[in-house]
Amino acid sequence: MDKNISQRESGYYNALIFLVPLITIVISVLFLGETITTKMVVGLILIIIGIALVNLKMKSLQKRGNMLEGDM
């Protein structure tokens, strides 16, 4: 498993950490009977935007890295 962790960029795992609140909300609704509020929906939208930004940043860095390697 260490090989898989070392081969992935840390940004990937940081994006997964953004999913913790989403999973918590789903579990609390299913098992605790909580209701979804407007604040929760806004929070989920912000989480999705955060994940999208991290992924876009990772892709742009990968492209830049590939372009730099091609110059050598």
Protein backbone atom coordinates (compact mmCIF):
# COMPACT_ATOMS: atom_id res chain seq x y z
CA MET A 1 0.00 0.00 0.00
CA ASP A 2 2.91 2.36 0.58
CA LYS A 3 3.73 2.23 -3.13
CA ASN A 4 0.24 3.38 -4.03
CA ILE A 5 0.38 6.24 -1.55
CA SER A 6 3.80 7.39 -2.74
CA GLN A 7 2.77 7.24 -6.40
CA ARG A 8 -0.27 9.47 -5.92
CA GLU A 9 0.04 13.16 -5.38
CA SER A 10 -0.92 14.58 -2.03
CA GLY A 11 -3.55 16.76 -3.70
CA TYR A 12 -5.54 13.67 -4.53
CA TYR A 13 -5.71 12.63 -0.90
CA ASN A 14 -6.49 16.17 0.20
CA ALA A 15 -9.48 16.13 -2.15
CA LEU A 16 -10.69 12.94 -0.46
CA ILE A 17 -10.56 14.67 2.91
CA PHE A 18 -13.08 17.20 1.55
CA LEU A 19 -15.57 14.32 1.32
CA VAL A 20 -15.66 13.70 5.10
CA PRO A 21 -18.45 16.28 5.76
CA LEU A 22 -20.49 14.86 2.88
CA ILE A 23 -20.22 11.34 4.24
CA THR A 24 -21.05 12.59 7.74
CA ILE A 25 -24.22 14.30 6.49
CA VAL A 26 -25.36 11.22 4.60
CA ILE A 27 -24.78 8.95 7.61
CA SER A 28 -26.51 11.35 9.99
CA VAL A 29 -29.57 11.57 7.72
CA LEU A 30 -29.76 7.80 7.24
CA PHE A 31 -29.07 6.61 10.77
CA LEU A 32 -29.92 9.51 13.06
CA GLY A 33 -32.93 10.91 11.25
CA GLU A 34 -31.40 14.38 10.84
CA THR A 35 -32.98 16.75 8.34
CA ILE A 36 -31.00 18.45 5.62
CA THR A 37 -30.97 22.23 6.08
CA THR A 38 -30.16 25.07 3.72
CA LYS A 39 -26.81 25.55 5.45
CA MET A 40 -25.94 21.92 4.78
CA VAL A 41 -26.79 22.27 1.08
CA VAL A 42 -24.65 25.42 0.81
CA GLY A 43 -21.83 23.59 2.58
CA LEU A 44 -22.08 20.65 0.20
CA ILE A 45 -21.97 22.99 -2.79
CA LEU A 46 -18.83 24.62 -1.38
CA ILE A 47 -17.27 21.18 -0.87
CA ILE A 48 -17.97 20.22 -4.48
CA ILE A 49 -16.47 23.50 -5.68
CA GLY A 50 -13.40 22.87 -3.50
CA ILE A 51 -12.90 19.38 -4.93
CA ALA A 52 -13.27 20.73 -8.47
CA LEU A 53 -10.69 23.45 -7.82
CA VAL A 54 -8.20 20.97 -6.37
CA ASN A 55 -8.63 18.67 -9.37
CA LEU A 56 -8.24 21.52 -11.85
CA LYS A 57 -5.09 22.68 -10.08
CA MET A 58 -3.66 19.14 -10.13
CA LYS A 59 -4.37 18.78 -13.86
CA SER A 60 -2.75 22.13 -14.68
CA LEU A 61 0.33 21.21 -12.62
CA GLN A 62 0.56 17.84 -14.37
CA LYS A 63 0.35 19.52 -17.78
CA ARG A 64 3.04 22.00 -16.78
CA GLY A 65 5.22 19.15 -15.50
CA ASN A 66 4.77 17.20 -18.74
CA MET A 67 5.64 20.27 -20.80
CA LEU A 68 8.80 20.86 -18.75
CA GLU A 69 9.86 17.22 -19.10
CA GLY A 70 9.36 17.42 -22.87
CA ASP A 71 11.78 20.35 -23.10
CA MET A 72 14.68 18.32 -21.71
